[in-house]
Every structure is written in structure tokens, then in C-alpha cells.
Amino acid sequence: MNGVAVSSIYVHAPFCARRCFYCDFAVSVRSAATPSPWAEALAAEWRWVAAEGRFEVASTLDTLYVGGGTPSLLGPDAMAALADVVGVERIDPDRSEWTAEANPESFTPEVGRGWRASGVNRLSFGTQSFQDTVLRWMGRLHGAEGSARALETAREAGFTEISVDLIFGLPDGVERDWAYDLDRVLALDVPHLSLYGLTAESATPLGRGVAEGRIVMADDGRYAEEFLEASERLRAEGYEHYEVSSFARPGHRSRHNSAYWNGSAYLGLGNGAHSFTGTERRWNTREWEDYRAAALDGRSAIADRESLDPQARRLETIWLGLRTSAGLPVFWGPDGACARVVEAWKADGRAHEGDGRIVLSPVGWLTLDRLTVELDRACDRDPSCRAGGSPDGDPSS
């Protein structure tokens, strides 16, 4: 085997009926989309990747994730077309986790039946809120009861593995009852939840509004309060807070996302999609038409790439380890700079230690980026630090 072995694939479906107020994703706005042009471009890129030989795709995929954009806008036949691209034989209904994202307004009974028949066995709904005022501000189309109807449709189609996204930390002035949204999602009893704090990306209408002073984002106090309220309530209801943004009933964690967090190699297809070999990250051109033209012409759709030197891999290993409930293995001695940093975290409740691993608390996760840099800098001053930045994510090797 010459290429890097991968068993996880991300596929981007860029089409959206409307760009949300806060969205900075690689999307193409259109009122309707058909799967044929998308699948043709993906098939062309798949052939280019095979000829390149950089990746060796496993005979049976562990995970396949279709994100967007709005994959459900492509209709009921889209996932069958994708299965033909990556190889139907690579998708084992008993072993492969195949997730597809959907927006409630475009997840129809026909889409549900078509996707389930194609082999999709996990759904992720872009709910964001159950309140009309919030959804209108965001630019969402499904309305307050749209998500509940979509979940019913999904269950009638045979889906049991379902995730729902919610966004917290909305700007001042947006009428939003965060406790009500938590009540509603708990009442729906979905096995997985993803909660994301809103960020103002500069290229979005939200980002421009913040830059011009027309919009005031949630301050650190309210942001922390909403995050901690969600963590406390969901854990009390039996969910595992297993990653900064992720909550699951026991046995229902996202295997695909876990592949990112444990440093595994993965392949990305589609415009804006990222791929990772363990030592190199690369990403495709963002614009759909540019990507499609390159793919159909047999050219590389890669926009850029970066190689991770040992120090960059160490920083990434620390960040990935600290963001999950599995934590980071201790790869430093008991008396050096790293140990002193971690002892300070433990003293004020930001972390705890067990089984030779450091695990952040929800309070610690609120400052994950800062703590990552703090520990990484301590490694530079600590002769006992054994971080080698190995591509398998084990810093002690």
C-alpha cells in the first residue's frame, strides 16, 4: 500500500436555498439543486485522487459524512449517486457510520426514504433554535415547529441515529430564551446534540454589523452562562458531554467527528473540503463553479496545503486532546513547567487528572484555545516534556 490509509471521508454538498446571516461556509445559493452535476464533479475528483495515489481508501469505510451547505436540498436520489462514486461495496450497513446533514424544511418523506434506502444511517439536523424570532434573525427557513416535524419524518423513515444542532451566545437585542430551546430539544429526546457558540466571521453580514458597531455580540459572561447551563442540564438528563460542543446518550457518539479529534487521516471531497494525512493538511477551492470546472477538466481542485512540523503537530495534539472528555495523556514529568501549569488548572476547577490523563472541565473548555497555548509554551520551557508530535496523535512516541 503506497498511499496514506483512510477509512473516513467527508463530502461537501454546497447548495443552500439561502445564506444564513452568520454563515461563512463554502456554499452556493440556489432555489433548487439536482444531484447529477454534484455527483459528476465528485466522481471526477475521485478519479483524480485515485490517480494521484496520496490516499488509499479502505475497502470498508468506517465513516462517511455529507455536510454542507444543505445536502437535503439535493433530494432523495443524491445519496445513491454518492454511493456510486465512492463504491457501494465500501459501505457496510452493519459497520459504516454514514451521516448526512439536513435542514428541516427540505427533509421530506421522499428524502428520508431515499436516503435510508441508499444506506444513510445517521442524520444531523440544522435546527439552531425552536423560536421564530431567532430563526428569522438567522435567515433560517423552517420555522419554530419545523424541526419537530422533520424529526418525526426521520423516525418514520427508520432513522434512530439523529443529531440536532443548536447555536448559543446570540447578540444583544435578539429575543431568545435559551432555557426554552433546551426544554424543547430535551423533549424531542434525540440521541445526539451539537451546541455551537456563535462567532462573527468578518465576511458575513453579522461580521460586518459587528465591525460597524450595529451589532453587539454576547459578552463573555453571558456566553459562559449559556454554555454551562446547557452542559449542566444535558448531563443531568443522561447525556455525556464528550467534546466541547458535543453531547450524546451512551453509545451514540459521532464516530466521524471522533476521527478528527484523535488525529486520524481523512479524505475530503467537494469544494472547500479538507483532507489530512497526519503530517499534511490540504483543502479544495471554495467556489463551487471553480471546483467543478477543475474536477471535470481532470485537474487538481486543491487550493492550498500546509505541512505540520513537529512543533505544529504538538500544538494540535494538545488542542485535540484537551477538547474531548478522553483528555490528554500526561507526557511531562512531575516537577517541570508543564506540571505547574496543569496544577494551576486543577486548583481552580478547570481540569482534573485521572489514569494518566488531563481532562478539562466545562469551565476549562470555555478557554480551550488559551489553555492549549499555555501548555504548549510550557513544553518549550520543560526539559521533561516528551512531546514528539507523532502523526498517530501520541505525543510520547
Protein backbone atom coordinates (compact mmCIF):
# COMPACT_ATOMS: atom_id res chain seq x y z
CA MET A 1 0.00 0.00 0.00
CA ASN A 2 1.64 3.25 -1.14
CA GLY A 3 -0.86 5.90 -0.08
CA VAL A 4 -1.98 7.02 3.36
CA ALA A 5 -4.69 4.67 4.60
CA VAL A 6 -8.04 6.37 5.22
CA SER A 7 -11.37 4.95 6.35
CA SER A 8 -13.17 8.27 6.92
CA ILE A 9 -14.42 10.52 4.11
CA TYR A 10 -16.05 13.94 4.25
CA VAL A 11 -18.11 15.05 1.22
CA HIS A 12 -19.27 18.64 0.78
CA ALA A 13 -22.68 19.46 -0.68
CA PRO A 14 -22.53 23.24 -1.16
CA PHE A 15 -26.07 24.17 -2.18
CA CYS A 16 -28.33 26.31 0.02
CA ALA A 17 -31.67 27.96 -0.64
CA ARG A 18 -30.47 30.99 1.35
CA ARG A 19 -27.22 32.00 3.02
CA CYS A 20 -27.74 32.46 6.75
CA PHE A 21 -26.86 35.79 8.38
CA TYR A 22 -23.82 34.35 10.17
CA CYS A 23 -22.64 31.78 7.57
CA ASP A 24 -19.09 31.77 6.20
CA PHE A 25 -19.19 28.25 4.75
CA ALA A 26 -18.41 27.34 1.13
CA VAL A 27 -21.99 27.46 -0.17
CA SER A 28 -23.70 28.17 -3.47
CA VAL A 29 -27.14 29.78 -3.17
CA ARG A 30 -29.87 28.46 -5.45
CA SER A 31 -33.56 27.75 -5.09
CA ALA A 32 -33.21 24.13 -6.20
CA ALA A 33 -30.43 21.66 -6.90
CA THR A 34 -30.19 18.31 -8.63
CA PRO A 35 -27.69 15.61 -7.73
CA SER A 36 -26.27 14.88 -11.19
CA PRO A 37 -23.82 17.83 -11.60
CA TRP A 38 -22.67 17.36 -7.99
CA ALA A 39 -22.10 13.63 -8.36
CA GLU A 40 -20.34 14.09 -11.72
CA ALA A 41 -17.89 16.57 -10.20
CA LEU A 42 -17.27 14.31 -7.20
CA ALA A 43 -16.70 11.32 -9.46
CA ALA A 44 -14.15 13.30 -11.46
CA GLU A 45 -12.32 14.35 -8.29
CA TRP A 46 -12.44 10.75 -7.03
CA ARG A 47 -10.68 9.62 -10.21
CA TRP A 48 -8.04 12.34 -9.79
CA VAL A 49 -7.42 11.35 -6.16
CA ALA A 50 -7.08 7.69 -7.17
CA ALA A 51 -4.57 8.59 -9.89
CA GLU A 52 -2.63 10.84 -7.50
CA GLY A 53 -2.11 7.91 -5.12
CA ARG A 54 -1.76 10.03 -1.97
CA PHE A 55 -4.66 8.25 -0.24
CA GLU A 56 -5.53 4.57 -0.08
CA VAL A 57 -9.23 4.28 0.76
CA ALA A 58 -10.21 1.31 2.90
CA SER A 59 -12.29 -1.46 1.38
CA THR A 60 -14.89 -0.79 4.09
CA LEU A 61 -15.44 2.75 5.28
CA ASP A 62 -15.66 3.41 8.98
CA THR A 63 -17.37 6.77 8.44
CA LEU A 64 -18.82 8.79 5.57
CA TYR A 65 -20.10 12.29 6.34
CA VAL A 66 -22.01 14.52 3.94
CA GLY A 67 -22.06 18.15 5.09
CA GLY A 68 -22.87 21.49 3.61
CA GLY A 69 -24.46 23.57 2.59
CA THR A 70 -27.76 21.74 2.64
CA PRO A 71 -27.43 18.15 1.40
CA SER A 72 -31.19 17.63 1.73
CA LEU A 73 -31.72 20.26 -0.97
CA LEU A 74 -30.30 17.71 -3.44
CA GLY A 75 -33.34 15.46 -2.98
CA PRO A 76 -33.94 11.74 -2.41
CA ASP A 77 -31.55 10.36 -5.07
CA ALA A 78 -28.41 12.25 -4.02
CA MET A 79 -27.03 9.68 -1.59
CA ALA A 80 -27.46 6.80 -4.01
CA ALA A 81 -25.46 8.83 -6.54
CA LEU A 82 -22.75 9.42 -3.92
CA ALA A 83 -22.62 5.72 -3.07
CA ASP A 84 -21.91 5.02 -6.73
CA VAL A 85 -19.00 7.49 -6.59
CA VAL A 86 -17.21 6.08 -3.52
CA GLY A 87 -18.27 2.50 -4.20
CA VAL A 88 -21.37 0.82 -2.87
CA GLU A 89 -19.20 -2.09 -1.76
CA ARG A 90 -17.30 0.20 0.64
CA ILE A 91 -20.44 0.94 2.66
CA ASP A 92 -21.31 -1.81 5.12
CA PRO A 93 -24.74 -1.22 6.69
CA ASP A 94 -23.60 -3.01 9.86
CA ARG A 95 -20.21 -1.31 10.23
CA SER A 96 -20.13 2.02 8.39
CA GLU A 97 -21.48 5.18 10.00
CA TRP A 98 -22.96 7.28 7.19
CA THR A 99 -24.12 10.72 8.30
CA ALA A 100 -25.88 13.29 6.14
CA GLU A 101 -26.82 16.79 7.19
CA ALA A 102 -30.30 18.13 6.51
CA ASN A 103 -32.31 21.28 7.01
CA PRO A 104 -35.80 20.66 8.40
CA GLU A 105 -37.65 22.44 5.58
CA SER A 106 -36.10 20.30 2.82
CA PHE A 107 -36.16 16.95 4.63
CA THR A 108 -39.29 15.46 3.10
CA PRO A 109 -40.63 11.91 3.47
CA GLU A 110 -39.27 11.18 -0.02
CA VAL A 111 -35.79 12.35 1.02
CA GLY A 112 -35.96 10.29 4.20
CA ARG A 113 -36.97 7.10 2.39
CA GLY A 114 -34.48 7.63 -0.44
CA TRP A 115 -31.56 8.27 1.87
CA ARG A 116 -32.37 5.38 4.17
CA ALA A 117 -32.64 3.00 1.20
CA SER A 118 -29.25 4.24 -0.03
CA GLY A 119 -27.53 3.33 3.24
CA VAL A 120 -27.51 6.60 5.21
CA ASN A 121 -27.95 5.61 8.85
CA ARG A 122 -27.37 8.87 10.73
CA LEU A 123 -28.85 12.36 10.29
CA SER A 124 -27.72 15.76 11.55
CA PHE A 125 -30.36 18.49 11.53
CA GLY A 126 -29.50 22.19 11.40
CA THR A 127 -32.15 23.25 13.91
CA GLN A 128 -30.29 26.14 15.64
CA SER A 129 -33.38 27.25 17.62
CA PHE A 130 -37.04 26.49 18.23
CA GLN A 131 -38.08 30.16 18.31
CA ASP A 132 -39.41 32.08 15.32
CA THR A 133 -37.77 35.38 16.27
CA VAL A 134 -34.36 33.71 16.39
CA LEU A 135 -34.84 31.74 13.19
CA ARG A 136 -35.94 34.85 11.27
CA TRP A 137 -32.90 36.77 12.51
CA MET A 138 -30.62 33.92 11.42
CA GLY A 139 -32.26 33.62 7.99
CA ARG A 140 -33.47 30.07 8.60
CA LEU A 141 -36.47 28.80 6.66
CA HIS A 142 -38.01 26.04 8.74
CA GLY A 143 -39.96 27.88 11.45
CA ALA A 144 -40.36 27.04 15.13
CA GLU A 145 -42.07 23.66 14.63
CA GLY A 146 -40.15 22.63 11.53
CA SER A 147 -37.53 20.63 13.38
CA ALA A 148 -40.09 18.59 15.33
CA ARG A 149 -41.85 17.69 12.07
CA ALA A 150 -38.54 16.77 10.42
CA LEU A 151 -37.61 14.52 13.34
CA GLU A 152 -40.95 12.75 13.07
CA THR A 153 -40.37 12.29 9.34
CA ALA A 154 -36.88 10.91 10.01
CA ARG A 155 -38.14 8.41 12.56
CA GLU A 156 -40.93 7.28 10.27
CA ALA A 157 -38.27 6.62 7.60
CA GLY A 158 -36.41 4.36 10.04
CA PHE A 159 -33.67 6.64 11.36
CA THR A 160 -32.71 6.16 15.00
CA GLU A 161 -29.30 7.89 14.98
CA ILE A 162 -30.17 11.59 14.86
CA SER A 163 -28.27 14.70 15.91
CA VAL A 164 -29.59 18.24 16.35
CA ASP A 165 -27.54 21.46 16.19
CA LEU A 166 -28.26 24.48 18.40
CA ILE A 167 -26.47 27.84 18.47
CA PHE A 168 -25.96 29.83 21.67
CA GLY A 169 -24.40 33.18 22.52
CA LEU A 170 -26.56 35.28 20.20
CA PRO A 171 -26.03 39.05 20.03
CA ASP A 172 -27.62 41.50 22.41
CA GLY A 173 -31.00 42.56 21.11
CA VAL A 174 -32.02 39.18 19.67
CA GLU A 175 -35.04 37.94 21.61
CA ARG A 176 -34.07 34.43 22.68
CA ASP A 177 -34.97 32.21 25.62
CA TRP A 178 -32.07 29.75 25.83
CA ALA A 179 -33.73 27.68 28.56
CA TYR A 180 -36.78 27.21 26.33
CA ASP A 181 -34.65 25.87 23.48
CA LEU A 182 -33.05 23.39 25.87
CA ASP A 183 -36.51 22.35 27.09
CA ARG A 184 -37.67 21.73 23.52
CA VAL A 185 -34.66 19.71 22.43
CA LEU A 186 -34.81 17.58 25.57
CA ALA A 187 -38.49 16.88 24.95
CA LEU A 188 -37.61 15.56 21.48
CA ASP A 189 -35.22 13.01 23.06
CA VAL A 190 -32.64 12.90 20.30
CA PRO A 191 -29.57 10.74 20.97
CA HIS A 192 -27.00 13.39 19.98
CA LEU A 193 -26.72 17.17 20.27
CA SER A 194 -24.15 19.65 18.97
CA LEU A 195 -24.06 23.10 20.56
CA TYR A 196 -22.06 25.88 18.92
CA GLY A 197 -21.24 29.34 20.20
CA LEU A 198 -21.94 31.99 17.59
CA THR A 199 -18.89 33.68 16.07
CA ALA A 200 -18.84 36.79 13.88
CA GLU A 201 -16.83 35.97 10.75
CA SER A 202 -15.64 39.12 9.00
CA ALA A 203 -17.02 38.23 5.54
CA THR A 204 -20.60 37.70 6.77
CA PRO A 205 -23.40 40.24 7.31
CA LEU A 206 -23.07 39.50 11.02
CA GLY A 207 -19.35 40.22 10.97
CA ARG A 208 -19.84 43.48 9.10
CA GLY A 209 -22.57 44.53 11.52
CA VAL A 210 -20.26 43.89 14.46
CA ALA A 211 -17.37 45.75 12.80
CA GLU A 212 -19.60 48.77 12.14
CA GLY A 213 -20.93 48.79 15.70
CA ARG A 214 -24.53 47.99 14.70
CA ILE A 215 -24.50 44.58 16.40
CA VAL A 216 -23.14 43.78 19.85
CA MET A 217 -22.14 40.16 20.41
CA ALA A 218 -22.85 38.35 23.68
CA ASP A 219 -20.26 39.24 26.30
CA ASP A 220 -18.04 36.58 27.86
CA GLY A 221 -20.25 36.34 30.93
CA ARG A 222 -23.47 35.51 29.09
CA TYR A 223 -21.65 33.23 26.64
CA ALA A 224 -20.21 31.24 29.55
CA GLU A 225 -23.52 31.20 31.39
CA GLU A 226 -25.40 29.70 28.43
CA PHE A 227 -22.69 27.12 27.73
CA LEU A 228 -22.52 25.99 31.34
CA GLU A 229 -26.31 25.93 31.70
CA ALA A 230 -26.55 23.63 28.69
CA SER A 231 -23.78 21.36 29.94
CA GLU A 232 -25.32 21.04 33.41
CA ARG A 233 -28.85 20.38 32.15
CA LEU A 234 -27.89 17.90 29.46
CA ARG A 235 -25.58 15.94 31.75
CA ALA A 236 -28.34 15.82 34.36
CA GLU A 237 -30.58 14.25 31.69
CA GLY A 238 -28.08 11.49 30.97
CA TYR A 239 -26.09 12.96 28.09
CA GLU A 240 -22.32 12.59 28.02
CA HIS A 241 -20.54 15.90 27.39
CA TYR A 242 -17.83 14.10 25.46
CA GLU A 243 -16.35 17.01 23.49
CA VAL A 244 -16.52 20.79 23.78
CA SER A 245 -19.58 21.09 21.53
CA SER A 246 -20.92 17.53 21.59
CA PHE A 247 -23.38 15.67 23.81
CA ALA A 248 -24.56 12.09 23.36
CA ARG A 249 -26.60 9.43 25.02
CA PRO A 250 -24.33 6.48 25.91
CA GLY A 251 -23.44 4.59 22.73
CA HIS A 252 -24.42 7.42 20.36
CA ARG A 253 -21.24 9.46 19.93
CA SER A 254 -20.25 10.66 16.46
CA ARG A 255 -17.60 8.32 15.14
CA HIS A 256 -16.80 10.59 12.21
CA ASN A 257 -16.06 13.64 14.34
CA SER A 258 -14.05 11.47 16.72
CA ALA A 259 -11.75 10.61 13.80
CA TYR A 260 -10.88 14.31 13.55
CA TRP A 261 -10.23 14.60 17.27
CA ASN A 262 -7.97 11.56 17.54
CA GLY A 263 -5.74 12.76 14.70
CA SER A 264 -6.70 10.11 12.13
CA ALA A 265 -6.12 10.69 8.43
CA TYR A 266 -9.21 11.53 6.38
CA LEU A 267 -10.15 12.41 2.81
CA GLY A 268 -12.31 15.38 1.83
CA LEU A 269 -14.21 15.64 -1.47
CA GLY A 270 -16.02 18.66 -2.87
CA ASN A 271 -15.46 22.40 -2.89
CA GLY A 272 -13.90 23.71 0.30
CA ALA A 273 -13.34 20.19 1.66
CA HIS A 274 -10.21 19.47 3.73
CA SER A 275 -8.05 16.33 3.73
CA PHE A 276 -5.41 15.27 6.26
CA THR A 277 -2.59 12.74 6.01
CA GLY A 278 -1.25 13.01 9.54
CA THR A 279 1.55 15.37 8.53
CA GLU A 280 -0.09 17.48 5.83
CA ARG A 281 -3.43 19.25 5.56
CA ARG A 282 -4.83 20.43 2.24
CA TRP A 283 -8.08 21.99 1.10
CA ASN A 284 -10.02 22.42 -2.12
CA THR A 285 -11.03 25.66 -3.79
CA ARG A 286 -14.09 27.16 -2.12
CA GLU A 287 -16.17 28.26 -5.08
CA TRP A 288 -18.44 25.55 -6.49
CA GLU A 289 -18.11 26.53 -10.14
CA ASP A 290 -14.30 26.76 -9.93
CA TYR A 291 -14.13 23.40 -8.20
CA ARG A 292 -16.47 21.76 -10.71
CA ALA A 293 -14.55 23.12 -13.70
CA ALA A 294 -11.23 21.86 -12.33
CA ALA A 295 -12.62 18.43 -11.46
CA LEU A 296 -14.35 17.87 -14.81
CA ASP A 297 -11.22 19.01 -16.64
CA GLY A 298 -9.17 16.38 -14.82
CA ARG A 299 -7.18 18.98 -12.92
CA SER A 300 -6.41 19.26 -9.22
CA ALA A 301 -9.05 21.12 -7.24
CA ILE A 302 -6.62 21.73 -4.35
CA ALA A 303 -6.38 25.39 -3.39
CA ASP A 304 -3.53 25.13 -0.88
CA ARG A 305 -1.82 22.89 1.65
CA GLU A 306 0.25 23.08 4.80
CA SER A 307 2.82 20.71 6.29
CA LEU A 308 2.86 20.26 10.05
CA ASP A 309 6.31 20.34 11.59
CA PRO A 310 6.85 18.65 14.98
CA GLN A 311 6.02 21.81 16.93
CA ALA A 312 2.81 22.41 14.99
CA ARG A 313 1.83 18.77 15.48
CA ARG A 314 2.49 19.08 19.20
CA LEU A 315 0.24 22.15 19.44
CA GLU A 316 -2.50 20.35 17.51
CA THR A 317 -2.14 17.21 19.63
CA ILE A 318 -2.61 19.27 22.81
CA TRP A 319 -5.63 21.11 21.40
CA LEU A 320 -7.32 17.96 20.12
CA GLY A 321 -6.69 16.05 23.33
CA LEU A 322 -7.95 18.79 25.61
CA ARG A 323 -11.18 19.29 23.64
CA THR A 324 -12.55 15.80 24.46
CA SER A 325 -13.61 14.06 27.64
CA ALA A 326 -10.92 11.44 26.99
CA GLY A 327 -8.38 14.16 27.72
CA LEU A 328 -4.69 14.47 27.00
CA PRO A 329 -2.10 11.88 28.10
CA VAL A 330 0.49 13.24 30.51
CA PHE A 331 3.72 13.47 28.53
CA TRP A 332 5.74 15.55 31.00
CA GLY A 333 7.49 14.98 34.30
CA PRO A 334 6.01 15.78 37.75
CA ASP A 335 8.20 18.78 38.62
CA GLY A 336 8.55 20.89 35.47
CA ALA A 337 6.76 23.82 33.86
CA CYS A 338 4.01 21.65 32.32
CA ALA A 339 3.13 20.11 35.68
CA ARG A 340 2.92 23.54 37.30
CA VAL A 341 0.58 24.81 34.59
CA VAL A 342 -1.73 21.82 34.95
CA GLU A 343 -1.70 22.03 38.75
CA ALA A 344 -2.99 25.61 38.45
CA TRP A 345 -5.81 24.38 36.19
CA LYS A 346 -6.74 21.68 38.68
CA ALA A 347 -6.66 24.09 41.61
CA ASP A 348 -9.38 26.34 40.19
CA GLY A 349 -11.59 23.62 38.68
CA ARG A 350 -10.61 23.94 35.04
CA ALA A 351 -9.24 20.38 34.85
CA HIS A 352 -8.84 17.11 36.65
CA GLU A 353 -6.37 14.24 36.32
CA GLY A 354 -7.05 10.52 36.18
CA ASP A 355 -5.48 7.41 34.65
CA GLY A 356 -2.52 9.45 33.49
CA ARG A 357 -4.63 11.93 31.51
CA ILE A 358 -5.60 15.58 31.92
CA VAL A 359 -9.27 16.30 31.27
CA LEU A 360 -10.74 19.79 31.10
CA SER A 361 -14.00 20.61 32.85
CA PRO A 362 -16.75 22.57 31.07
CA VAL A 363 -15.30 25.68 32.75
CA GLY A 364 -11.90 24.84 31.30
CA TRP A 365 -13.39 24.26 27.84
CA LEU A 366 -14.55 27.88 27.79
CA THR A 367 -10.89 28.91 27.44
CA LEU A 368 -9.65 25.88 25.48
CA ASP A 369 -7.57 27.88 22.99
CA ARG A 370 -5.81 29.86 25.71
CA LEU A 371 -5.07 26.78 27.80
CA THR A 372 -3.69 24.97 24.74
CA VAL A 373 -1.23 27.78 24.06
CA GLU A 374 -0.32 27.96 27.74
CA LEU A 375 0.59 24.28 27.92
CA ASP A 376 2.39 24.35 24.57
CA ARG A 377 4.57 27.25 25.75
CA ALA A 378 5.28 25.40 28.98
CA CYS A 379 6.56 22.47 26.89
CA ASP A 380 9.16 24.79 25.39
CA ARG A 381 10.47 25.51 28.92
CA ASP A 382 10.20 21.98 30.27
CA PRO A 383 13.07 19.52 29.67
CA SER A 384 10.83 16.70 30.91
CA CYS A 385 8.31 17.23 28.09
CA ARG A 386 8.36 14.17 25.83
CA ALA A 387 6.15 15.59 23.09
CA GLY A 388 7.29 14.29 19.73
CA GLY A 389 4.24 15.31 17.71
CA SER A 390 3.86 11.89 16.15
CA PRO A 391 1.29 11.60 13.34
CA ASP A 392 -0.72 9.00 15.25
CA GLY A 393 -1.52 11.61 17.87
CA ASP A 394 0.60 10.02 20.64
CA PRO A 395 2.84 12.82 21.90
CA SER A 396 5.01 10.46 23.90
CA SER A 397 6.34 8.49 20.92
